[in-house]
């Protein structure tokens, strides 16, 4: 299914005929291949720990769900400005009522 999407979008070109044959060939490329020396183990572990951390994972999730469109950011900014103006108006109303 993923291979079919990649072929349809033009990322991959399938000369094998069916997508099932191409998928089985791609899935079997690295079977029984031994990794003798992997020079970037320390860097990979550091990046993996960072990416699986609490904050990066949840911030990325919030970005993809709530801020996927620029209009969402504009609406958030407008809401923050309106809330700040409401707080300022409330403060000035309370101050002016206290002096009378």
N, C-alpha and C. Protein backbone atom coordinates (compact mmCIF):
# COMPACT_ATOMS: atom_id res chain seq x y z
N UNK A 1 0.82 -1.18 0.00
CA UNK A 1 0.00 0.00 0.00
C UNK A 1 0.88 1.26 0.00
N UNK A 2 1.90 1.27 0.86
CA UNK A 2 2.81 2.41 0.90
C UNK A 2 3.60 2.49 -0.40
N UNK A 3 4.01 1.35 -0.90
CA UNK A 3 4.75 1.34 -2.16
C UNK A 3 3.88 1.86 -3.29
N UNK A 4 2.60 1.52 -3.28
CA UNK A 4 1.69 2.00 -4.32
C UNK A 4 1.58 3.52 -4.27
N UNK A 5 1.54 4.09 -3.06
CA UNK A 5 1.48 5.55 -2.93
C UNK A 5 2.77 6.19 -3.44
N UNK A 6 3.91 5.56 -3.14
CA UNK A 6 5.19 6.09 -3.60
C UNK A 6 5.30 6.01 -5.12
N UNK A 7 4.79 4.94 -5.71
CA UNK A 7 4.82 4.80 -7.17
C UNK A 7 3.87 5.81 -7.81
N UNK A 8 2.67 5.96 -7.23
CA UNK A 8 1.69 6.90 -7.79
C UNK A 8 2.17 8.34 -7.72
N UNK A 9 2.89 8.69 -6.65
CA UNK A 9 3.37 10.07 -6.51
C UNK A 9 4.64 10.33 -7.30
N UNK A 10 5.26 9.30 -7.85
CA UNK A 10 6.45 9.48 -8.66
C UNK A 10 7.76 9.43 -7.90
N UNK A 11 7.71 9.07 -6.61
CA UNK A 11 8.94 8.96 -5.83
C UNK A 11 9.72 7.73 -6.25
N UNK A 12 9.02 6.64 -6.48
CA UNK A 12 9.65 5.40 -6.96
C UNK A 12 9.10 5.04 -8.33
N UNK A 13 9.93 4.36 -9.08
CA UNK A 13 9.50 3.84 -10.38
C UNK A 13 9.56 2.33 -10.28
N UNK A 14 8.45 1.65 -10.55
CA UNK A 14 8.36 0.21 -10.41
C UNK A 14 8.47 -0.44 -11.79
N UNK A 15 9.62 -1.08 -12.04
CA UNK A 15 9.82 -1.81 -13.30
C UNK A 15 9.59 -3.31 -13.12
N UNK A 16 9.20 -3.74 -11.92
CA UNK A 16 9.06 -5.17 -11.64
C UNK A 16 7.71 -5.73 -12.05
N UNK A 17 6.73 -4.89 -12.27
CA UNK A 17 5.41 -5.38 -12.62
C UNK A 17 4.41 -5.06 -11.54
N UNK A 18 4.33 -5.92 -10.54
CA UNK A 18 3.34 -5.69 -9.49
C UNK A 18 3.99 -5.01 -8.28
N UNK A 19 3.17 -4.30 -7.55
CA UNK A 19 3.67 -3.63 -6.34
C UNK A 19 4.04 -4.62 -5.25
N UNK A 20 3.38 -5.79 -5.23
CA UNK A 20 3.69 -6.80 -4.21
C UNK A 20 5.10 -7.35 -4.41
N UNK A 21 5.49 -7.59 -5.65
CA UNK A 21 6.84 -8.09 -5.92
C UNK A 21 7.89 -7.05 -5.52
N UNK A 22 7.63 -5.81 -5.85
CA UNK A 22 8.57 -4.75 -5.50
C UNK A 22 8.66 -4.58 -3.99
N UNK A 23 7.52 -4.67 -3.29
CA UNK A 23 7.52 -4.54 -1.83
C UNK A 23 8.29 -5.68 -1.18
N UNK A 24 8.11 -6.90 -1.67
CA UNK A 24 8.84 -8.04 -1.08
C UNK A 24 10.34 -7.92 -1.36
N UNK A 25 10.71 -7.38 -2.53
CA UNK A 25 12.12 -7.19 -2.83
C UNK A 25 12.74 -6.13 -1.91
N UNK A 26 12.02 -5.03 -1.71
CA UNK A 26 12.52 -3.97 -0.83
C UNK A 26 12.61 -4.46 0.61
N UNK A 27 11.62 -5.22 1.05
CA UNK A 27 11.63 -5.74 2.42
C UNK A 27 12.75 -6.75 2.65
N UNK A 28 13.19 -7.44 1.60
CA UNK A 28 14.22 -8.45 1.75
C UNK A 28 15.64 -7.95 1.51
N UNK A 29 15.82 -6.67 1.25
CA UNK A 29 17.15 -6.15 0.93
C UNK A 29 18.12 -6.33 2.09
N UNK A 30 17.72 -5.98 3.29
CA UNK A 30 18.65 -5.98 4.42
C UNK A 30 18.52 -7.19 5.34
N UNK A 31 17.82 -8.20 4.92
CA UNK A 31 17.72 -9.38 5.77
C UNK A 31 19.05 -10.11 5.81
N UNK A 32 19.40 -10.57 6.98
CA UNK A 32 20.63 -11.32 7.23
C UNK A 32 21.89 -10.51 6.93
N UNK A 33 21.82 -9.20 7.06
CA UNK A 33 22.99 -8.34 6.91
C UNK A 33 23.47 -7.99 8.31
N UNK A 34 24.72 -8.27 8.60
CA UNK A 34 25.27 -8.02 9.93
C UNK A 34 25.91 -6.64 9.96
N UNK A 35 25.60 -5.89 10.98
CA UNK A 35 26.23 -4.59 11.20
C UNK A 35 27.49 -4.82 12.02
N UNK A 36 28.62 -4.74 11.39
CA UNK A 36 29.88 -5.00 12.06
C UNK A 36 30.27 -3.81 12.92
N UNK A 37 30.45 -2.67 12.31
CA UNK A 37 30.83 -1.46 13.03
C UNK A 37 29.88 -0.34 12.65
N UNK A 38 29.25 0.20 13.66
CA UNK A 38 28.39 1.36 13.46
C UNK A 38 29.03 2.51 14.19
N UNK A 39 29.60 3.44 13.46
CA UNK A 39 30.44 4.47 14.05
C UNK A 39 29.67 5.55 14.79
N UNK A 40 28.39 5.66 14.54
CA UNK A 40 27.61 6.75 15.12
C UNK A 40 26.65 6.28 16.20
N UNK A 41 27.03 5.28 16.96
CA UNK A 41 26.15 4.73 18.00
C UNK A 41 25.86 5.78 19.06
N UNK A 42 26.88 6.47 19.51
CA UNK A 42 26.68 7.46 20.57
C UNK A 42 25.77 8.58 20.10
N UNK A 43 25.98 9.11 18.90
CA UNK A 43 25.15 10.17 18.37
C UNK A 43 23.72 9.69 18.13
N UNK A 44 23.58 8.47 17.64
CA UNK A 44 22.26 7.91 17.39
C UNK A 44 21.48 7.77 18.69
N UNK A 45 22.14 7.29 19.75
CA UNK A 45 21.46 7.15 21.04
C UNK A 45 21.06 8.50 21.60
N UNK A 46 21.93 9.50 21.44
CA UNK A 46 21.61 10.84 21.94
C UNK A 46 20.40 11.41 21.20
N UNK A 47 20.39 11.30 19.89
CA UNK A 47 19.27 11.81 19.10
C UNK A 47 18.00 11.03 19.41
N UNK A 48 18.11 9.73 19.57
CA UNK A 48 16.96 8.90 19.88
C UNK A 48 16.37 9.27 21.25
N UNK A 49 17.24 9.48 22.24
CA UNK A 49 16.76 9.88 23.56
C UNK A 49 16.07 11.24 23.50
N UNK A 50 16.62 12.18 22.73
CA UNK A 50 16.02 13.50 22.61
C UNK A 50 14.66 13.42 21.92
N UNK A 51 14.60 12.71 20.80
CA UNK A 51 13.36 12.65 20.03
C UNK A 51 12.26 11.91 20.77
N UNK A 52 12.61 10.95 21.61
CA UNK A 52 11.61 10.22 22.37
C UNK A 52 11.34 10.85 23.72
N UNK A 53 11.91 12.01 23.98
CA UNK A 53 11.68 12.71 25.24
C UNK A 53 10.26 13.24 25.31
N UNK A 54 9.85 13.67 26.50
CA UNK A 54 8.48 14.12 26.72
C UNK A 54 8.15 15.38 25.92
N UNK A 55 8.95 16.43 26.08
CA UNK A 55 8.62 17.72 25.47
C UNK A 55 8.73 17.71 23.95
N UNK A 56 9.79 17.21 23.35
CA UNK A 56 9.83 17.23 21.87
C UNK A 56 8.70 16.44 21.24
N UNK A 57 8.35 15.32 21.83
CA UNK A 57 7.29 14.49 21.28
C UNK A 57 5.94 15.21 21.35
N UNK A 58 5.65 15.83 22.51
CA UNK A 58 4.36 16.48 22.67
C UNK A 58 4.28 17.81 21.91
N UNK A 59 5.38 18.52 21.80
CA UNK A 59 5.36 19.76 21.02
C UNK A 59 5.15 19.43 19.54
N UNK A 60 5.79 18.41 19.05
CA UNK A 60 5.60 18.00 17.65
C UNK A 60 4.16 17.56 17.42
N UNK A 61 3.58 16.86 18.38
CA UNK A 61 2.19 16.42 18.26
C UNK A 61 1.25 17.61 18.24
N UNK A 62 1.48 18.59 19.13
CA UNK A 62 0.64 19.77 19.15
C UNK A 62 0.76 20.57 17.86
N UNK A 63 1.98 20.67 17.32
CA UNK A 63 2.15 21.38 16.06
C UNK A 63 1.37 20.72 14.93
N UNK A 64 1.43 19.40 14.87
CA UNK A 64 0.76 18.72 13.77
C UNK A 64 -0.75 18.74 13.91
N UNK A 65 -1.26 18.76 15.15
CA UNK A 65 -2.71 18.73 15.36
C UNK A 65 -3.30 20.14 15.36
N UNK A 66 -2.75 21.03 16.19
CA UNK A 66 -3.39 22.31 16.42
C UNK A 66 -2.85 23.44 15.56
N UNK A 67 -1.62 23.36 15.12
CA UNK A 67 -1.03 24.46 14.38
C UNK A 67 -0.59 24.03 12.98
N UNK A 68 -1.42 23.24 12.33
CA UNK A 68 -1.07 22.76 11.00
C UNK A 68 -1.29 23.81 9.92
N UNK A 69 -2.02 24.86 10.25
CA UNK A 69 -2.34 25.90 9.28
C UNK A 69 -1.88 27.25 9.82
N UNK A 70 -1.47 28.17 8.96
CA UNK A 70 -1.11 29.51 9.45
C UNK A 70 -2.29 30.23 10.07
N UNK A 71 -3.50 29.89 9.65
CA UNK A 71 -4.68 30.53 10.22
C UNK A 71 -4.84 30.17 11.69
N UNK A 72 -4.42 28.99 12.08
CA UNK A 72 -4.48 28.61 13.49
C UNK A 72 -3.56 29.49 14.32
N UNK A 73 -2.38 29.80 13.80
CA UNK A 73 -1.45 30.68 14.51
C UNK A 73 -2.02 32.09 14.61
N UNK A 74 -2.63 32.57 13.53
CA UNK A 74 -3.22 33.91 13.54
C UNK A 74 -4.37 33.98 14.53
N UNK A 75 -5.19 32.94 14.58
CA UNK A 75 -6.31 32.91 15.53
C UNK A 75 -5.79 32.87 16.97
N UNK A 76 -4.71 32.12 17.21
CA UNK A 76 -4.13 32.08 18.55
C UNK A 76 -3.60 33.45 18.95
N UNK A 77 -2.90 34.11 18.05
CA UNK A 77 -2.37 35.44 18.33
C UNK A 77 -3.50 36.44 18.59
N UNK A 78 -4.56 36.39 17.79
CA UNK A 78 -5.71 37.27 18.00
C UNK A 78 -6.38 36.99 19.34
N UNK A 79 -6.49 35.73 19.72
CA UNK A 79 -7.07 35.39 21.01
C UNK A 79 -6.23 35.89 22.17
N UNK A 80 -4.92 35.79 22.06
CA UNK A 80 -4.03 36.28 23.12
C UNK A 80 -4.15 37.80 23.25
N UNK A 81 -4.20 38.50 22.11
CA UNK A 81 -4.33 39.96 22.14
C UNK A 81 -5.66 40.37 22.75
N UNK A 82 -6.74 39.71 22.35
CA UNK A 82 -8.06 40.03 22.92
C UNK A 82 -8.11 39.74 24.41
N UNK A 83 -7.51 38.67 24.85
CA UNK A 83 -7.48 38.36 26.28
C UNK A 83 -6.70 39.42 27.04
N UNK A 84 -5.55 39.85 26.50
CA UNK A 84 -4.75 40.88 27.15
C UNK A 84 -5.52 42.19 27.23
N UNK A 85 -6.21 42.56 26.16
CA UNK A 85 -7.01 43.79 26.19
C UNK A 85 -8.15 43.69 27.20
N UNK A 86 -8.76 42.53 27.34
CA UNK A 86 -9.82 42.33 28.32
C UNK A 86 -9.28 42.48 29.73
N UNK A 87 -8.11 41.93 29.99
CA UNK A 87 -7.49 42.06 31.31
C UNK A 87 -7.18 43.53 31.61
N UNK A 88 -6.63 44.25 30.63
CA UNK A 88 -6.33 45.67 30.83
C UNK A 88 -7.61 46.46 31.08
N UNK A 89 -8.66 46.18 30.33
CA UNK A 89 -9.93 46.88 30.52
C UNK A 89 -10.50 46.60 31.90
N UNK A 90 -10.40 45.37 32.35
CA UNK A 90 -10.88 45.03 33.69
C UNK A 90 -10.10 45.76 34.77
N UNK A 91 -8.79 45.83 34.62
CA UNK A 91 -7.95 46.52 35.61
C UNK A 91 -8.33 48.00 35.67
N UNK A 92 -8.48 48.66 34.53
CA UNK A 92 -8.83 50.07 34.52
C UNK A 92 -10.24 50.31 35.05
N UNK A 93 -11.17 49.39 34.80
CA UNK A 93 -12.51 49.52 35.34
C UNK A 93 -12.51 49.42 36.85
N UNK A 94 -11.73 48.48 37.39
CA UNK A 94 -11.65 48.33 38.85
C UNK A 94 -10.98 49.55 39.46
N UNK A 95 -9.93 50.07 38.86
CA UNK A 95 -9.24 51.25 39.39
C UNK A 95 -10.14 52.49 39.39
N UNK A 96 -10.88 52.67 38.29
CA UNK A 96 -11.74 53.86 38.21
C UNK A 96 -12.92 53.75 39.16
N UNK A 97 -13.42 52.57 39.45
CA UNK A 97 -14.54 52.40 40.38
C UNK A 97 -14.06 52.59 41.82
N UNK A 98 -12.82 52.34 42.08
CA UNK A 98 -12.29 52.48 43.46
C UNK A 98 -12.06 53.90 43.85
N UNK A 99 -11.88 54.82 42.92
CA UNK A 99 -11.59 56.22 43.25
C UNK A 99 -12.83 57.09 43.37
N UNK A 100 -13.99 56.59 43.08
CA UNK A 100 -15.20 57.40 43.15
C UNK A 100 -15.79 57.41 44.53
